[in-house]
Amino acid sequence: MRERTIARNYAEALFQAGERSGHTERYADLIEALAGAIQSDETIRQALESPRVPKPTKQRILTRAFEGRTTHQFIKFLAAVVKRGREGILVAISEQYLSLVDEKFNRVHASVVLAREPDPALQQFVKQRLSDAIGKEVIPHFRVDLEILGGLIVRIGDRVMDGSLRRRMVSLRRQLLGT
């Protein structure tokens, strides 16, 4: 819980800097890319999280990685994170920052489970219907699960909408056995 609060504080600082400079979305892309690199590349993660790698070296690595690709302010932010020994929570900072950006743009993310791979037209239809129902822009993340048989299951935050054929069949079975 403490790590999440600290990450939120850093994310808010970066968000305010992005708002002031007009780079809010650019910073979102950059912090998300950095978090992705940390999660997918063991060497990067170990270099940033290792106490054996001196802080100035970590700062140089990050500066070289982003130099010419972003503002000096973003690079200074990363240097400050490393200086305070918080490089181990960069992924959490990224998650919190992206959450702030989503709030600003009135967006929510939805996990959508289907029984088959959706074509682009179906993806757009589902996105539009969910956006209309929720009253916010919905960014769907599609996943296939053959066990639901048909229909779809949508999860937005802690809210689940189960319109799967499997659930309907289970419900019908209960009704028939209960009668």
Protein backbone atom coordinates (compact mmCIF):
# COMPACT_ATOMS: atom_id res chain seq x y z
CA MET A 1 0.00 0.00 0.00
CA ARG A 2 2.82 2.39 0.86
CA GLU A 3 4.53 1.77 -2.51
CA ARG A 4 1.31 2.61 -4.33
CA THR A 5 0.94 5.89 -2.40
CA ILE A 6 4.54 6.85 -3.14
CA ALA A 7 4.09 5.94 -6.80
CA ARG A 8 0.93 8.04 -6.94
CA ASN A 9 2.81 11.05 -5.53
CA TYR A 10 5.51 10.74 -8.20
CA ALA A 11 2.89 10.22 -10.90
CA GLU A 12 1.02 13.34 -9.78
CA ALA A 13 4.23 15.37 -9.91
CA LEU A 14 4.96 14.15 -13.45
CA PHE A 15 1.34 14.74 -14.45
CA GLN A 16 1.45 18.34 -13.21
CA ALA A 17 4.71 18.90 -15.09
CA GLY A 18 3.14 17.42 -18.21
CA GLU A 19 0.07 19.61 -17.86
CA ARG A 20 2.17 22.76 -17.44
CA SER A 21 4.36 21.97 -20.45
CA GLY A 22 1.61 20.51 -22.66
CA HIS A 23 3.30 17.10 -22.82
CA THR A 24 0.83 15.05 -20.77
CA GLU A 25 0.14 12.47 -23.48
CA ARG A 26 3.77 12.35 -24.62
CA TYR A 27 4.88 11.63 -21.06
CA ALA A 28 2.24 8.88 -20.89
CA ASP A 29 3.75 7.21 -23.96
CA LEU A 30 7.27 7.53 -22.56
CA ILE A 31 6.56 6.30 -19.03
CA GLU A 32 4.52 3.41 -20.44
CA ALA A 33 7.37 2.47 -22.80
CA LEU A 34 9.86 2.59 -19.92
CA ALA A 35 7.63 0.40 -17.74
CA GLY A 36 7.22 -2.04 -20.63
CA ALA A 37 10.98 -2.22 -21.10
CA ILE A 38 11.51 -2.84 -17.39
CA GLN A 39 8.90 -5.60 -17.35
CA SER A 40 10.03 -7.32 -20.53
CA ASP A 41 13.82 -7.04 -20.27
CA GLU A 42 15.43 -8.70 -17.27
CA THR A 43 18.74 -6.89 -17.87
CA ILE A 44 17.11 -3.46 -17.69
CA ARG A 45 15.13 -4.39 -14.60
CA GLN A 46 18.20 -5.76 -12.81
CA ALA A 47 20.34 -2.74 -13.74
CA LEU A 48 17.76 -0.31 -12.41
CA GLU A 49 16.87 -2.24 -9.27
CA SER A 50 20.33 -3.43 -8.27
CA PRO A 51 21.90 -1.66 -5.29
CA ARG A 52 25.30 -2.54 -6.79
CA VAL A 53 24.76 -0.19 -9.74
CA PRO A 54 25.54 3.35 -8.55
CA LYS A 55 22.77 5.94 -8.86
CA PRO A 56 24.80 8.17 -11.22
CA THR A 57 25.20 5.20 -13.57
CA LYS A 58 21.46 4.54 -13.52
CA GLN A 59 20.82 8.20 -14.23
CA ARG A 60 23.24 8.12 -17.19
CA ILE A 61 21.54 5.01 -18.59
CA LEU A 62 18.11 6.64 -18.45
CA THR A 63 19.42 9.95 -19.80
CA ARG A 64 21.02 8.21 -22.80
CA ALA A 65 17.88 6.19 -23.43
CA PHE A 66 15.64 9.28 -23.57
CA GLU A 67 18.02 12.00 -24.75
CA GLY A 68 16.71 13.57 -27.94
CA ARG A 69 13.36 11.78 -27.56
CA THR A 70 11.77 13.92 -24.88
CA THR A 71 12.01 17.08 -22.86
CA HIS A 72 14.74 17.86 -20.37
CA GLN A 73 12.01 18.02 -17.73
CA PHE A 74 11.08 14.34 -18.21
CA ILE A 75 14.72 13.29 -17.99
CA LYS A 76 15.09 15.38 -14.81
CA PHE A 77 12.06 13.62 -13.37
CA LEU A 78 13.64 10.20 -14.00
CA ALA A 79 16.92 11.40 -12.47
CA ALA A 80 15.02 12.56 -9.37
CA VAL A 81 13.31 9.17 -9.07
CA VAL A 82 16.70 7.44 -9.18
CA LYS A 83 18.32 9.98 -6.85
CA ARG A 84 15.70 9.18 -4.20
CA GLY A 85 16.13 5.43 -4.69
CA ARG A 86 12.66 4.90 -6.16
CA GLU A 87 13.66 3.31 -9.47
CA GLY A 88 12.16 0.04 -8.24
CA ILE A 89 8.68 1.54 -8.44
CA LEU A 90 8.90 2.99 -11.96
CA VAL A 91 6.33 0.45 -13.19
CA ALA A 92 3.94 1.47 -10.40
CA ILE A 93 4.57 5.15 -11.20
CA SER A 94 3.69 4.40 -14.81
CA GLU A 95 0.43 2.69 -13.82
CA GLN A 96 -0.54 5.61 -11.60
CA TYR A 97 0.37 8.16 -14.26
CA LEU A 98 -1.68 6.39 -16.91
CA SER A 99 -4.58 6.29 -14.47
CA LEU A 100 -4.36 10.08 -14.04
CA VAL A 101 -4.29 10.58 -17.82
CA ASP A 102 -7.33 8.32 -18.22
CA GLU A 103 -9.18 10.37 -15.59
CA LYS A 104 -8.31 13.58 -17.39
CA PHE A 105 -9.59 12.32 -20.73
CA ASN A 106 -12.64 10.56 -19.20
CA ARG A 107 -11.48 7.09 -20.26
CA VAL A 108 -11.82 3.66 -18.71
CA HIS A 109 -10.26 0.34 -19.65
CA ALA A 110 -12.40 -2.73 -20.12
CA SER A 111 -11.44 -6.38 -20.32
CA VAL A 112 -13.66 -8.00 -22.95
CA VAL A 113 -13.73 -11.79 -23.23
CA LEU A 114 -15.19 -13.35 -26.37
CA ALA A 115 -15.53 -16.92 -27.61
CA ARG A 116 -13.79 -16.08 -30.88
CA GLU A 117 -11.32 -13.56 -32.23
CA PRO A 118 -13.23 -10.33 -32.95
CA ASP A 119 -12.94 -8.65 -36.34
CA PRO A 120 -12.35 -4.87 -36.46
CA ALA A 121 -16.04 -4.13 -37.03
CA LEU A 122 -17.05 -6.12 -33.93
CA GLN A 123 -14.31 -4.45 -31.89
CA GLN A 124 -15.57 -1.01 -32.89
CA PHE A 125 -19.20 -2.01 -32.19
CA VAL A 126 -18.35 -3.30 -28.71
CA LYS A 127 -16.27 -0.20 -27.96
CA GLN A 128 -19.08 2.12 -29.04
CA ARG A 129 -21.81 0.25 -27.13
CA LEU A 130 -19.73 0.15 -23.95
CA SER A 131 -18.86 3.84 -24.28
CA ASP A 132 -22.55 4.69 -24.68
CA ALA A 133 -23.52 2.54 -21.69
CA ILE A 134 -20.79 3.83 -19.36
CA GLY A 135 -20.80 7.46 -20.46
CA LYS A 136 -17.02 7.50 -20.87
CA GLU A 137 -14.64 6.55 -23.62
CA VAL A 138 -13.99 2.83 -23.20
CA ILE A 139 -10.68 1.32 -24.26
CA PRO A 140 -11.41 -2.39 -24.69
CA HIS A 141 -8.76 -5.08 -24.26
CA PHE A 142 -10.00 -8.18 -26.07
CA ARG A 143 -9.22 -11.74 -25.05
CA VAL A 144 -10.50 -15.06 -26.39
CA ASP A 145 -11.81 -17.83 -24.12
CA LEU A 146 -13.49 -20.71 -25.90
CA GLU A 147 -15.08 -21.93 -22.65
CA ILE A 148 -17.65 -19.11 -22.59
CA LEU A 149 -19.17 -20.71 -25.74
CA GLY A 150 -20.60 -17.42 -27.06
CA GLY A 151 -21.56 -13.90 -26.04
CA LEU A 152 -19.10 -11.83 -24.04
CA ILE A 153 -17.92 -10.97 -20.55
CA VAL A 154 -16.93 -7.38 -19.78
CA ARG A 155 -14.97 -6.24 -16.72
CA ILE A 156 -14.57 -2.54 -15.99
CA GLY A 157 -12.85 -2.02 -12.66
CA ASP A 158 -14.68 -4.22 -10.16
CA ARG A 159 -17.86 -4.32 -12.25
CA VAL A 160 -18.50 -7.48 -14.30
CA MET A 161 -21.15 -7.83 -16.97
CA ASP A 162 -21.51 -11.47 -17.96
CA GLY A 163 -23.46 -11.99 -21.16
CA SER A 164 -21.84 -15.31 -21.97
CA LEU A 165 -23.76 -18.25 -23.36
CA ARG A 166 -22.13 -20.43 -20.70
CA ARG A 167 -23.63 -18.32 -17.87
CA ARG A 168 -27.02 -18.37 -19.54
CA MET A 169 -26.92 -22.15 -19.85
CA VAL A 170 -25.92 -22.56 -16.19
CA SER A 171 -28.74 -20.21 -15.18
CA LEU A 172 -31.25 -22.12 -17.30
CA ARG A 173 -30.05 -25.41 -15.81
CA ARG A 174 -30.55 -24.06 -12.27
CA GLN A 175 -34.05 -22.89 -13.15
CA LEU A 176 -34.99 -26.26 -14.62
CA LEU A 177 -33.57 -28.23 -11.69
CA GLY A 178 -35.15 -25.87 -9.19
CA THR A 179 -38.62 -26.21 -10.65
